[in-house]
Amino acid sequence: MGKGGLIAAPLLASLFLAACSSTPDVADAPAPAVVEQAERNPPVGSRMPEGEQDLCKARDLQYLVGRHRNEIPVPVEVVNRRVVCTTCPVTMDFSPYRLNIFYNAETEIVEQVRCG
């Protein structure tokens, strides 16, 4: 091993040990201004609608109720759409911007189209 290897090995070992230390770093904590801004402007999915707004556009797809699930149009943006059977487990978080299309698992007929 050359001189470079003898110097680099202890240096790398000390850097590794420093990285593994359990002392909390102040730089890891979010700045107070960032926290305040997040509280004033929550993510879009957590904002509650005001009044009876149809933010997920569920009224536009009510024609699907009573039809086979194969007739559900494929969306361009799938981020805010959930197609799931009525007996399947789903997350309990509520997003007024998410369109939920529920179908019967046995018949595959759409039973509900709603926001949430």
PDB file of N, CA and C in Angstrom:
ATOM      1  N   MET A   1       0.851  -1.167   0.000  1.00  0.00           N
ATOM      2  CA  MET A   1       0.000   0.000   0.000  1.00  0.00           C
ATOM      3  C   MET A   1       0.898   1.231   0.000  1.00  0.00           C
ATOM      4  N   GLY A   2       0.583   2.247  -0.823  1.00  0.00           N
ATOM      5  CA  GLY A   2       1.386   3.454  -0.901  1.00  0.00           C
ATOM      6  C   GLY A   2       1.055   4.418   0.210  1.00  0.00           C
ATOM      7  N   LYS A   3       1.756   5.537   0.237  1.00  0.00           N
ATOM      8  CA  LYS A   3       1.527   6.548   1.274  1.00  0.00           C
ATOM      9  C   LYS A   3       0.110   7.086   1.226  1.00  0.00           C
ATOM     10  N   GLY A   4      -0.467   7.218   0.004  1.00  0.00           N
ATOM     11  CA  GLY A   4      -1.827   7.730  -0.121  1.00  0.00           C
ATOM     12  C   GLY A   4      -2.832   6.825   0.568  1.00  0.00           C
ATOM     13  N   GLY A   5      -2.621   5.505   0.469  1.00  0.00           N
ATOM     14  CA  GLY A   5      -3.526   4.549   1.087  1.00  0.00           C
ATOM     15  C   GLY A   5      -3.443   4.591   2.597  1.00  0.00           C
ATOM     16  N   LEU A   6      -2.234   4.800   3.146  1.00  0.00           N
ATOM     17  CA  LEU A   6      -2.058   4.858   4.592  1.00  0.00           C
ATOM     18  C   LEU A   6      -2.711   6.092   5.188  1.00  0.00           C
ATOM     19  N   ILE A   7      -2.724   7.167   4.449  1.00  0.00           N
ATOM     20  CA  ILE A   7      -3.350   8.403   4.951  1.00  0.00           C
ATOM     21  C   ILE A   7      -4.860   8.353   4.753  1.00  0.00           C
ATOM     22  N   ALA A   8      -5.301   7.799   3.639  1.00  0.00           N
ATOM     23  CA  ALA A   8      -6.723   7.791   3.312  1.00  0.00           C
ATOM     24  C   ALA A   8      -7.526   6.865   4.211  1.00  0.00           C
ATOM     25  N   ALA A   9      -6.976   5.709   4.608  1.00  0.00           N
ATOM     26  CA  ALA A   9      -7.720   4.741   5.409  1.00  0.00           C
ATOM     27  C   ALA A   9      -8.176   5.327   6.747  1.00  0.00           C
ATOM     28  N   PRO A  10      -7.290   5.941   7.554  1.00  0.00           N
ATOM     29  CA  PRO A  10      -7.760   6.518   8.816  1.00  0.00           C
ATOM     30  C   PRO A  10      -8.733   7.687   8.590  1.00  0.00           C
ATOM     31  N   LEU A  11      -8.501   8.453   7.533  1.00  0.00           N
ATOM     32  CA  LEU A  11      -9.390   9.577   7.240  1.00  0.00           C
ATOM     33  C   LEU A  11     -10.790   9.076   6.903  1.00  0.00           C
ATOM     34  N   LEU A  12     -10.880   8.057   6.081  1.00  0.00           N
ATOM     35  CA  LEU A  12     -12.177   7.489   5.732  1.00  0.00           C
ATOM     36  C   LEU A  12     -12.863   6.875   6.944  1.00  0.00           C
ATOM     37  N   ALA A  13     -12.101   6.214   7.792  1.00  0.00           N
ATOM     38  CA  ALA A  13     -12.676   5.606   9.003  1.00  0.00           C
ATOM     39  C   ALA A  13     -13.250   6.675   9.923  1.00  0.00           C
ATOM     40  N   SER A  14     -12.547   7.786  10.078  1.00  0.00           N
ATOM     41  CA  SER A  14     -13.047   8.837  10.968  1.00  0.00           C
ATOM     42  C   SER A  14     -14.287   9.501  10.366  1.00  0.00           C
ATOM     43  N   LEU A  15     -14.318   9.673   9.058  1.00  0.00           N
ATOM     44  CA  LEU A  15     -15.513  10.236   8.412  1.00  0.00           C
ATOM     45  C   LEU A  15     -16.706   9.310   8.571  1.00  0.00           C
ATOM     46  N   PHE A  16     -16.462   7.999   8.437  1.00  0.00           N
ATOM     47  CA  PHE A  16     -17.530   7.022   8.602  1.00  0.00           C
ATOM     48  C   PHE A  16     -18.100   7.059  10.011  1.00  0.00           C
ATOM     49  N   LEU A  17     -17.223   7.098  11.003  1.00  0.00           N
ATOM     50  CA  LEU A  17     -17.670   7.137  12.398  1.00  0.00           C
ATOM     51  C   LEU A  17     -18.416   8.435  12.704  1.00  0.00           C
ATOM     52  N   ALA A  18     -17.975   9.539  12.131  1.00  0.00           N
ATOM     53  CA  ALA A  18     -18.660  10.812  12.353  1.00  0.00           C
ATOM     54  C   ALA A  18     -20.059  10.778  11.751  1.00  0.00           C
ATOM     55  N   ALA A  19     -20.194  10.129  10.616  1.00  0.00           N
ATOM     56  CA  ALA A  19     -21.503  10.041   9.963  1.00  0.00           C
ATOM     57  C   ALA A  19     -22.457   9.156  10.746  1.00  0.00           C
ATOM     58  N   CYS A  20     -21.937   8.197  11.482  1.00  0.00           N
ATOM     59  CA  CYS A  20     -22.767   7.264  12.234  1.00  0.00           C
ATOM     60  C   CYS A  20     -23.100   7.760  13.639  1.00  0.00           C
ATOM     61  N   SER A  21     -22.611   8.908  14.025  1.00  0.00           N
ATOM     62  CA  SER A  21     -22.870   9.385  15.388  1.00  0.00           C
ATOM     63  C   SER A  21     -24.351   9.677  15.557  1.00  0.00           C
ATOM     64  N   SER A  22     -24.849   9.532  16.767  1.00  0.00           N
ATOM     65  CA  SER A  22     -26.267   9.715  17.038  1.00  0.00           C
ATOM     66  C   SER A  22     -26.592  11.113  17.541  1.00  0.00           C
ATOM     67  N   THR A  23     -25.647  12.009  17.524  1.00  0.00           N
ATOM     68  CA  THR A  23     -25.895  13.372  17.967  1.00  0.00           C
ATOM     69  C   THR A  23     -26.758  14.082  16.935  1.00  0.00           C
ATOM     70  N   PRO A  24     -27.922  14.619  17.328  1.00  0.00           N
ATOM     71  CA  PRO A  24     -28.783  15.294  16.363  1.00  0.00           C
ATOM     72  C   PRO A  24     -28.103  16.536  15.800  1.00  0.00           C
ATOM     73  N   ASP A  25     -28.282  16.751  14.548  1.00  0.00           N
ATOM     74  CA  ASP A  25     -27.696  17.889  13.860  1.00  0.00           C
ATOM     75  C   ASP A  25     -28.756  18.977  13.729  1.00  0.00           C
ATOM     76  N   VAL A  26     -28.404  20.186  14.082  1.00  0.00           N
ATOM     77  CA  VAL A  26     -29.345  21.307  14.007  1.00  0.00           C
ATOM     78  C   VAL A  26     -29.784  21.545  12.568  1.00  0.00           C
ATOM     79  N   ALA A  27     -28.923  21.239  11.609  1.00  0.00           N
ATOM     80  CA  ALA A  27     -29.263  21.457  10.205  1.00  0.00           C
ATOM     81  C   ALA A  27     -30.379  20.526   9.741  1.00  0.00           C
ATOM     82  N   ASP A  28     -30.604  19.399  10.448  1.00  0.00           N
ATOM     83  CA  ASP A  28     -31.656  18.465  10.063  1.00  0.00           C
ATOM     84  C   ASP A  28     -33.051  18.975  10.434  1.00  0.00           C
ATOM     85  N   ALA A  29     -33.164  19.862  11.377  1.00  0.00           N
ATOM     86  CA  ALA A  29     -34.457  20.380  11.799  1.00  0.00           C
ATOM     87  C   ALA A  29     -34.957  21.411  10.791  1.00  0.00           C
ATOM     88  N   PRO A  30     -36.273  21.380  10.452  1.00  0.00           N
ATOM     89  CA  PRO A  30     -36.782  22.360   9.499  1.00  0.00           C
ATOM     90  C   PRO A  30     -36.748  23.764  10.094  1.00  0.00           C
ATOM     91  N   ALA A  31     -36.491  24.728   9.263  1.00  0.00           N
ATOM     92  CA  ALA A  31     -36.456  26.114   9.703  1.00  0.00           C
ATOM     93  C   ALA A  31     -37.848  26.541  10.138  1.00  0.00           C
ATOM     94  N   PRO A  32     -37.968  27.371  11.173  1.00  0.00           N
ATOM     95  CA  PRO A  32     -39.287  27.812  11.642  1.00  0.00           C
ATOM     96  C   PRO A  32     -40.124  28.451  10.536  1.00  0.00           C
ATOM     97  N   ALA A  33     -39.503  29.194   9.640  1.00  0.00           N
ATOM     98  CA  ALA A  33     -40.257  29.837   8.558  1.00  0.00           C
ATOM     99  C   ALA A  33     -40.883  28.794   7.635  1.00  0.00           C
ATOM    100  N   VAL A  34     -40.185  27.681   7.398  1.00  0.00           N
ATOM    101  CA  VAL A  34     -40.712  26.628   6.543  1.00  0.00           C
ATOM    102  C   VAL A  34     -41.904  25.955   7.211  1.00  0.00           C
ATOM    103  N   VAL A  35     -41.816  25.709   8.504  1.00  0.00           N
ATOM    104  CA  VAL A  35     -42.908  25.094   9.256  1.00  0.00           C
ATOM    105  C   VAL A  35     -44.132  26.007   9.242  1.00  0.00           C
ATOM    106  N   GLU A  36     -43.939  27.302   9.478  1.00  0.00           N
ATOM    107  CA  GLU A  36     -45.058  28.246   9.474  1.00  0.00           C
ATOM    108  C   GLU A  36     -45.722  28.294   8.104  1.00  0.00           C
ATOM    109  N   GLN A  37     -44.928  28.288   7.035  1.00  0.00           N
ATOM    110  CA  GLN A  37     -45.485  28.329   5.694  1.00  0.00           C
ATOM    111  C   GLN A  37     -46.292  27.063   5.406  1.00  0.00           C
ATOM    112  N   ALA A  38     -45.814  25.917   5.842  1.00  0.00           N
ATOM    113  CA  ALA A  38     -46.528  24.662   5.630  1.00  0.00           C
ATOM    114  C   ALA A  38     -47.848  24.644   6.384  1.00  0.00           C
ATOM    115  N   GLU A  39     -47.889  25.253   7.568  1.00  0.00           N
ATOM    116  CA  GLU A  39     -49.134  25.306   8.328  1.00  0.00           C
ATOM    117  C   GLU A  39     -50.144  26.238   7.665  1.00  0.00           C
ATOM    118  N   ARG A  40     -49.661  27.332   7.069  1.00  0.00           N
ATOM    119  CA  ARG A  40     -50.562  28.265   6.381  1.00  0.00           C
ATOM    120  C   ARG A  40     -51.033  27.718   5.036  1.00  0.00           C
ATOM    121  N   ASN A  41     -50.192  26.954   4.362  1.00  0.00           N
ATOM    122  CA  ASN A  41     -50.490  26.418   3.035  1.00  0.00           C
ATOM    123  C   ASN A  41     -50.326  24.905   3.039  1.00  0.00           C
ATOM    124  N   PRO A  42     -51.300  24.164   3.575  1.00  0.00           N
ATOM    125  CA  PRO A  42     -51.169  22.712   3.603  1.00  0.00           C
ATOM    126  C   PRO A  42     -51.176  22.142   2.188  1.00  0.00           C
ATOM    127  N   PRO A  43     -50.697  20.907   2.002  1.00  0.00           N
ATOM    128  CA  PRO A  43     -50.719  20.297   0.677  1.00  0.00           C
ATOM    129  C   PRO A  43     -52.131  20.261   0.116  1.00  0.00           C
ATOM    130  N   VAL A  44     -52.234  20.283  -1.190  1.00  0.00           N
ATOM    131  CA  VAL A  44     -53.532  20.348  -1.854  1.00  0.00           C
ATOM    132  C   VAL A  44     -54.447  19.226  -1.397  1.00  0.00           C
ATOM    133  N   GLY A  45     -53.938  18.013  -1.260  1.00  0.00           N
ATOM    134  CA  GLY A  45     -54.765  16.877  -0.890  1.00  0.00           C
ATOM    135  C   GLY A  45     -55.360  16.955   0.494  1.00  0.00           C
ATOM    136  N   SER A  46     -54.872  17.856   1.349  1.00  0.00           N
ATOM    137  CA  SER A  46     -55.393  17.938   2.710  1.00  0.00           C
ATOM    138  C   SER A  46     -56.341  19.121   2.906  1.00  0.00           C
ATOM    139  N   ARG A  47     -56.531  19.933   1.878  1.00  0.00           N
ATOM    140  CA  ARG A  47     -57.452  21.062   2.003  1.00  0.00           C
ATOM    141  C   ARG A  47     -58.888  20.578   1.891  1.00  0.00           C
ATOM    142  N   MET A  48     -59.746  21.078   2.749  1.00  0.00           N
ATOM    143  CA  MET A  48     -61.146  20.711   2.716  1.00  0.00           C
ATOM    144  C   MET A  48     -61.892  21.671   1.801  1.00  0.00           C
ATOM    145  N   PRO A  49     -62.871  21.178   1.034  1.00  0.00           N
ATOM    146  CA  PRO A  49     -63.619  22.070   0.147  1.00  0.00           C
ATOM    147  C   PRO A  49     -64.542  22.983   0.934  1.00  0.00           C
ATOM    148  N   GLU A  50     -64.782  24.130   0.369  1.00  0.00           N
ATOM    149  CA  GLU A  50     -65.715  25.070   0.986  1.00  0.00           C
ATOM    150  C   GLU A  50     -67.066  24.887   0.320  1.00  0.00           C
ATOM    151  N   GLY A  51     -68.091  24.599   1.113  1.00  0.00           N
ATOM    152  CA  GLY A  51     -69.431  24.415   0.567  1.00  0.00           C
ATOM    153  C   GLY A  51     -69.579  23.071  -0.128  1.00  0.00           C
ATOM    154  N   GLU A  52     -70.437  23.055  -1.123  1.00  0.00           N
ATOM    155  CA  GLU A  52     -70.737  21.820  -1.849  1.00  0.00           C
ATOM    156  C   GLU A  52     -70.003  21.765  -3.182  1.00  0.00           C
ATOM    157  N   GLN A  53     -68.717  22.040  -3.173  1.00  0.00           N
ATOM    158  CA  GLN A  53     -67.936  22.028  -4.402  1.00  0.00           C
ATOM    159  C   GLN A  53     -67.666  20.596  -4.853  1.00  0.00           C
ATOM    160  N   ASP A  54     -67.700  20.389  -6.153  1.00  0.00           N
ATOM    161  CA  ASP A  54     -67.393  19.088  -6.734  1.00  0.00           C
ATOM    162  C   ASP A  54     -65.971  19.138  -7.267  1.00  0.00           C
ATOM    163  N   LEU A  55     -64.998  19.154  -6.349  1.00  0.00           N
ATOM    164  CA  LEU A  55     -63.602  19.345  -6.712  1.00  0.00           C
ATOM    165  C   LEU A  55     -63.016  18.171  -7.479  1.00  0.00           C
ATOM    166  N   CYS A  56     -63.568  16.985  -7.324  1.00  0.00           N
ATOM    167  CA  CYS A  56     -63.031  15.812  -8.015  1.00  0.00           C
ATOM    168  C   CYS A  56     -63.778  15.520  -9.311  1.00  0.00           C
ATOM    169  N   LYS A  57     -64.799  16.316  -9.609  1.00  0.00           N
ATOM    170  CA  LYS A  57     -65.597  16.162 -10.844  1.00  0.00           C
ATOM    171  C   LYS A  57     -66.381  14.847 -10.865  1.00  0.00           C
ATOM    172  N   ALA A  58     -66.913  14.445  -9.710  1.00  0.00           N
ATOM    173  CA  ALA A  58     -67.685  13.204  -9.618  1.00  0.00           C
ATOM    174  C   ALA A  58     -68.990  13.305 -10.395  1.00  0.00           C
ATOM    175  N   ARG A  59     -69.575  14.490 -10.480  1.00  0.00           N
ATOM    176  CA  ARG A  59     -70.839  14.645 -11.225  1.00  0.00           C
ATOM    177  C   ARG A  59     -70.670  14.262 -12.691  1.00  0.00           C
ATOM    178  N   ASP A  60     -69.485  14.509 -13.232  1.00  0.00           N
ATOM    179  CA  ASP A  60     -69.232  14.215 -14.647  1.00  0.00           C
ATOM    180  C   ASP A  60     -69.248  12.719 -14.951  1.00  0.00           C
ATOM    181  N   LEU A  61     -68.998  11.885 -13.950  1.00  0.00           N
ATOM    182  CA  LEU A  61     -68.922  10.434 -14.176  1.00  0.00           C
ATOM    183  C   LEU A  61     -70.049   9.649 -13.504  1.00  0.00           C
ATOM    184  N   GLN A  62     -71.113  10.321 -13.087  1.00  0.00           N
ATOM    185  CA  GLN A  62     -72.243   9.625 -12.463  1.00  0.00           C
ATOM    186  C   GLN A  62     -72.906   8.644 -13.427  1.00  0.00           C
ATOM    187  N   TYR A  63     -72.751   8.872 -14.718  1.00  0.00           N
ATOM    188  CA  TYR A  63     -73.341   7.958 -15.706  1.00  0.00           C
ATOM    189  C   TYR A  63     -72.766   6.544 -15.597  1.00  0.00           C
ATOM    190  N   LEU A  64     -71.633   6.379 -14.916  1.00  0.00           N
ATOM    191  CA  LEU A  64     -71.013   5.061 -14.767  1.00  0.00           C
ATOM    192  C   LEU A  64     -71.754   4.157 -13.791  1.00  0.00           C
ATOM    193  N   VAL A  65     -72.527   4.740 -12.873  1.00  0.00           N
ATOM    194  CA  VAL A  65     -73.242   3.936 -11.878  1.00  0.00           C
ATOM    195  C   VAL A  65     -74.209   3.007 -12.610  1.00  0.00           C
ATOM    196  N   GLY A  66     -74.083   1.709 -12.326  1.00  0.00           N
ATOM    197  CA  GLY A  66     -74.920   0.695 -12.969  1.00  0.00           C
ATOM    198  C   GLY A  66     -74.270   0.082 -14.197  1.00  0.00           C
ATOM    199  N   ARG A  67     -73.123   0.598 -14.600  1.00  0.00           N
ATOM    200  CA  ARG A  67     -72.418   0.054 -15.771  1.00  0.00           C
ATOM    201  C   ARG A  67     -71.250  -0.828 -15.320  1.00  0.00           C
ATOM    202  N   HIS A  68     -70.733  -1.630 -16.250  1.00  0.00           N
ATOM    203  CA  HIS A  68     -69.601  -2.517 -15.968  1.00  0.00           C
ATOM    204  C   HIS A  68     -68.343  -1.680 -15.778  1.00  0.00           C
ATOM    205  N   ARG A  69     -67.447  -2.134 -14.928  1.00  0.00           N
ATOM    206  CA  ARG A  69     -66.237  -1.365 -14.632  1.00  0.00           C
ATOM    207  C   ARG A  69     -65.318  -1.210 -15.836  1.00  0.00           C
ATOM    208  N   ASN A  70     -65.461  -2.053 -16.845  1.00  0.00           N
ATOM    209  CA  ASN A  70     -64.669  -1.909 -18.065  1.00  0.00           C
ATOM    210  C   ASN A  70     -65.014  -0.623 -18.833  1.00  0.00           C
ATOM    211  N   GLU A  71     -66.146  -0.020 -18.522  1.00  0.00           N
ATOM    212  CA  GLU A  71     -66.563   1.208 -19.193  1.00  0.00           C
ATOM    213  C   GLU A  71     -65.981   2.465 -18.539  1.00  0.00           C
ATOM    214  N   ILE A  72     -65.239   2.303 -17.452  1.00  0.00           N
ATOM    215  CA  ILE A  72     -64.612   3.448 -16.795  1.00  0.00           C
ATOM    216  C   ILE A  72     -63.523   3.979 -17.715  1.00  0.00           C
ATOM    217  N   PRO A  73     -63.597   5.258 -18.072  1.00  0.00           N
ATOM    218  CA  PRO A  73     -62.570   5.803 -18.969  1.00  0.00           C
ATOM    219  C   PRO A  73     -61.210   5.870 -18.285  1.00  0.00           C
ATOM    220  N   VAL A  74     -60.176   5.633 -19.070  1.00  0.00           N
ATOM    221  CA  VAL A  74     -58.814   5.701 -18.554  1.00  0.00           C
ATOM    222  C   VAL A  74     -58.427   7.173 -18.483  1.00  0.00           C
ATOM    223  N   PRO A  75     -58.046   7.670 -17.284  1.00  0.00           N
ATOM    224  CA  PRO A  75     -57.718   9.094 -17.148  1.00  0.00           C
ATOM    225  C   PRO A  75     -56.338   9.420 -17.696  1.00  0.00           C
ATOM    226  N   VAL A  76     -56.180  10.674 -18.069  1.00  0.00           N
ATOM    227  CA  VAL A  76     -54.868  11.152 -18.492  1.00  0.00           C
ATOM    228  C   VAL A  76     -53.967  11.259 -17.273  1.00  0.00           C
ATOM    229  N   GLU A  77     -54.510  11.775 -16.173  1.00  0.00           N
ATOM    230  CA  GLU A  77     -53.757  11.941 -14.932  1.00  0.00           C
ATOM    231  C   GLU A  77     -54.376  11.043 -13.868  1.00  0.00           C
ATOM    232  N   VAL A  78     -53.678   9.972 -13.493  1.00  0.00           N
ATOM    233  CA  VAL A  78     -54.221   9.002 -12.543  1.00  0.00           C
ATOM    234  C   VAL A  78     -53.954   9.352 -11.093  1.00  0.00           C
ATOM    235  N   VAL A  79     -53.318  10.468 -10.836  1.00  0.00           N
ATOM    236  CA  VAL A  79     -52.922  10.825  -9.478  1.00  0.00           C
ATOM    237  C   VAL A  79     -54.128  10.964  -8.551  1.00  0.00           C
ATOM    238  N   ASN A  80     -55.206  11.543  -9.025  1.00  0.00           N
ATOM    239  CA  ASN A  80     -56.346  11.819  -8.166  1.00  0.00           C
ATOM    240  C   ASN A  80     -57.553  10.944  -8.476  1.00  0.00           C
ATOM    241  N   ARG A  81     -57.317   9.719  -8.885  1.00  0.00           N
ATOM    242  CA  ARG A  81     -58.426   8.810  -9.153  1.00  0.00           C
ATOM    243  C   ARG A  81     -58.130   7.459  -8.521  1.00  0.00           C
ATOM    244  N   ARG A  82     -59.194   6.896  -7.915  1.00  0.00           N
ATOM    245  CA  ARG A  82     -59.061   5.568  -7.294  1.00  0.00           C
ATOM    246  C   ARG A  82     -60.239   4.717  -7.753  1.00  0.00           C
ATOM    247  N   VAL A  83     -59.953   3.582  -8.365  1.00  0.00           N
ATOM    248  CA  VAL A  83     -60.973   2.621  -8.776  1.00  0.00           C
ATOM    249  C   VAL A  83     -60.761   1.388  -7.919  1.00  0.00           C
ATOM    250  N   VAL A  84     -61.781   1.043  -7.138  1.00  0.00           N
ATOM    251  CA  VAL A  84     -61.610  -0.026  -6.155  1.00  0.00           C
ATOM    252  C   VAL A  84     -62.952  -0.707  -5.897  1.00  0.00           C
ATOM    253  N   CYS A  85     -62.898  -1.982  -5.526  1.00  0.00           N
ATOM    254  CA  CYS A  85     -64.142  -2.690  -5.214  1.00  0.00           C
ATOM    255  C   CYS A  85     -64.686  -2.223  -3.863  1.00  0.00           C
ATOM    256  N   THR A  86     -65.961  -2.413  -3.669  1.00  0.00           N
ATOM    257  CA  THR A  86     -66.621  -1.928  -2.443  1.00  0.00           C
ATOM    258  C   THR A  86     -66.178  -2.677  -1.198  1.00  0.00           C
ATOM    259  N   THR A  87     -65.610  -3.874  -1.355  1.00  0.00           N
ATOM    260  CA  THR A  87     -65.156  -4.644  -0.191  1.00  0.00           C
ATOM    261  C   THR A  87     -63.636  -4.621  -0.043  1.00  0.00           C
ATOM    262  N   CYS A  88     -62.941  -3.937  -0.921  1.00  0.00           N
ATOM    263  CA  CYS A  88     -61.482  -3.864  -0.866  1.00  0.00           C
ATOM    264  C   CYS A  88     -61.044  -2.835   0.176  1.00  0.00           C
ATOM    265  N   PRO A  89     -59.906  -3.070   0.838  1.00  0.00           N
ATOM    266  CA  PRO A  89     -59.407  -2.081   1.794  1.00  0.00           C
ATOM    267  C   PRO A  89     -58.861  -0.854   1.070  1.00  0.00           C
ATOM    268  N   VAL A  90     -59.126   0.314   1.637  1.00  0.00           N
ATOM    269  CA  VAL A  90     -58.606   1.573   1.098  1.00  0.00           C
ATOM    270  C   VAL A  90     -58.098   2.418   2.253  1.00  0.00           C
ATOM    271  N   THR A  91     -57.268   3.394   1.943  1.00  0.00           N
ATOM    272  CA  THR A  91     -56.789   4.303   2.979  1.00  0.00           C
ATOM    273  C   THR A  91     -57.952   5.157   3.459  1.00  0.00           C
ATOM    274  N   MET A  92     -57.877   5.603   4.685  1.00  0.00           N
ATOM    275  CA  MET A  92     -58.973   6.370   5.276  1.00  0.00           C
ATOM    276  C   MET A  92     -58.780   7.878   5.149  1.00  0.00           C
ATOM    277  N   ASP A  93     -57.693   8.318   4.524  1.00  0.00           N
ATOM    278  CA  ASP A  93     -57.487   9.746   4.366  1.00  0.00           C
ATOM    279  C   ASP A  93     -58.507  10.307   3.379  1.00  0.00           C
ATOM    280  N   PHE A  94     -58.948  11.517   3.623  1.00  0.00           N
ATOM    281  CA  PHE A  94     -59.947  12.153   2.769  1.00  0.00           C
ATOM    282  C   PHE A  94     -59.287  13.232   1.941  1.00  0.00           C
ATOM    283  N   SER A  95     -59.503  13.172   0.651  1.00  0.00           N
ATOM    284  CA  SER A  95     -59.037  14.219  -0.251  1.00  0.00           C
ATOM    285  C   SER A  95     -60.207  14.625  -1.127  1.00  0.00           C
ATOM    286  N   PRO A  96     -60.667  15.858  -1.026  1.00  0.00           N
ATOM    287  CA  PRO A  96     -61.795  16.296  -1.843  1.00  0.00           C
ATOM    288  C   PRO A  96     -61.451  16.323  -3.329  1.00  0.00           C
ATOM    289  N   TYR A  97     -60.184  16.233  -3.654  1.00  0.00           N
ATOM    290  CA  TYR A  97     -59.739  16.274  -5.045  1.00  0.00           C
ATOM    291  C   TYR A  97     -59.637  14.872  -5.668  1.00  0.00           C
ATOM    292  N   ARG A  98     -59.761  13.822  -4.848  1.00  0.00           N
ATOM    293  CA  ARG A  98     -59.626  12.458  -5.367  1.00  0.00           C
ATOM    294  C   ARG A  98     -60.992  11.913  -5.750  1.00  0.00           C
ATOM    295  N   LEU A  99     -61.083  11.377  -6.959  1.00  0.00           N
ATOM    296  CA  LEU A  99     -62.303  10.749  -7.446  1.00  0.00           C
ATOM    297  C   LEU A  99     -62.248   9.267  -7.101  1.00  0.00           C
ATOM    298  N   ASN A 100     -63.267   8.779  -6.404  1.00  0.00           N
ATOM    299  CA  ASN A 100     -63.365   7.364  -6.048  1.00  0.00           C
ATOM    300  C   ASN A 100     -64.470   6.726  -6.873  1.00  0.00           C
ATOM    301  N   ILE A 101     -64.141   5.630  -7.520  1.00  0.00           N
ATOM    302  CA  ILE A 101     -65.122   4.859  -8.274  1.00  0.00           C
ATOM    303  C   ILE A 101     -65.156   3.474  -7.640  1.00  0.00           C
ATOM    304  N   PHE A 102     -66.291   3.146  -7.008  1.00  0.00           N
ATOM    305  CA  PHE A 102     -66.435   1.871  -6.305  1.00  0.00           C
ATOM    306  C   PHE A 102     -67.307   0.926  -7.125  1.00  0.00           C
ATOM    307  N   TYR A 103     -66.827  -0.309  -7.309  1.00  0.00           N
ATOM    308  CA  TYR A 103     -67.597  -1.309  -8.041  1.00  0.00           C
ATOM    309  C   TYR A 103     -67.772  -2.551  -7.182  1.00  0.00           C
ATOM    310  N   ASN A 104     -68.804  -3.342  -7.486  1.00  0.00           N
ATOM    311  CA  ASN A 104     -69.077  -4.583  -6.789  1.00  0.00           C
ATOM    312  C   ASN A 104     -68.072  -5.622  -7.264  1.00  0.00           C
ATOM    313  N   ALA A 105     -67.393  -6.289  -6.336  1.00  0.00           N
ATOM    314  CA  ALA A 105     -66.334  -7.246  -6.680  1.00  0.00           C
ATOM    315  C   ALA A 105     -66.877  -8.467  -7.419  1.00  0.00           C
ATOM    316  N   GLU A 106     -68.101  -8.875  -7.128  1.00  0.00           N
ATOM    317  CA  GLU A 106     -68.670 -10.068  -7.764  1.00  0.00           C
ATOM    318  C   GLU A 106     -69.236  -9.762  -9.147  1.00  0.00           C
ATOM    319  N   THR A 107     -69.985  -8.683  -9.247  1.00  0.00           N
ATOM    320  CA  THR A 107     -70.642  -8.356 -10.523  1.00  0.00           C
ATOM    321  C   THR A 107     -69.816  -7.423 -11.397  1.00  0.00           C
ATOM    322  N   GLU A 108     -68.851  -6.734 -10.794  1.00  0.00           N
ATOM    323  CA  GLU A 108     -68.024  -5.734 -11.463  1.00  0.00           C
ATOM    324  C   GLU A 108     -68.843  -4.563 -12.015  1.00  0.00           C
ATOM    325  N   ILE A 109     -69.975  -4.304 -11.356  1.00  0.00           N
ATOM    326  CA  ILE A 109     -70.828  -3.168 -11.718  1.00  0.00           C
ATOM    327  C   ILE A 109     -70.502  -1.989 -10.805  1.00  0.00           C
ATOM    328  N   VAL A 110     -70.358  -0.803 -11.380  1.00  0.00           N
ATOM    329  CA  VAL A 110     -70.053   0.401 -10.609  1.00  0.00           C
ATOM    330  C   VAL A 110     -71.242   0.738  -9.730  1.00  0.00           C
ATOM    331  N   GLU A 111     -70.980   0.940  -8.428  1.00  0.00           N
ATOM    332  CA  GLU A 111     -72.033   1.255  -7.465  1.00  0.00           C
ATOM    333  C   GLU A 111     -71.996   2.706  -6.993  1.00  0.00           C
ATOM    334  N   GLN A 112     -70.804   3.305  -6.928  1.00  0.00           N
ATOM    335  CA  GLN A 112     -70.672   4.671  -6.414  1.00  0.00           C
ATOM    336  C   GLN A 112     -69.582   5.406  -7.171  1.00  0.00           C
ATOM    337  N   VAL A 113     -69.817   6.705  -7.380  1.00  0.00           N
ATOM    338  CA  VAL A 113     -68.792   7.615  -7.900  1.00  0.00           C
ATOM    339  C   VAL A 113     -68.876   8.831  -6.993  1.00  0.00           C
ATOM    340  N   ARG A 114     -67.795   9.078  -6.240  1.00  0.00           N
ATOM    341  CA  ARG A 114     -67.821  10.195  -5.288  1.00  0.00           C
ATOM    342  C   ARG A 114     -66.411  10.702  -4.994  1.00  0.00           C
ATOM    343  N   CYS A 115     -66.357  11.874  -4.424  1.00  0.00           N
ATOM    344  CA  CYS A 115     -65.082  12.446  -4.016  1.00  0.00           C
ATOM    345  C   CYS A 115     -64.643  11.832  -2.689  1.00  0.00           C
ATOM    346  N   GLY A 116     -63.391  11.926  -2.388  1.00  0.00           N
ATOM    347  CA  GLY A 116     -62.898  11.461  -1.099  1.00  0.00           C
ATOM    348  C   GLY A 116     -61.667  10.752  -1.190  1.00  0.00           C
TER     349      GLY A 116
END
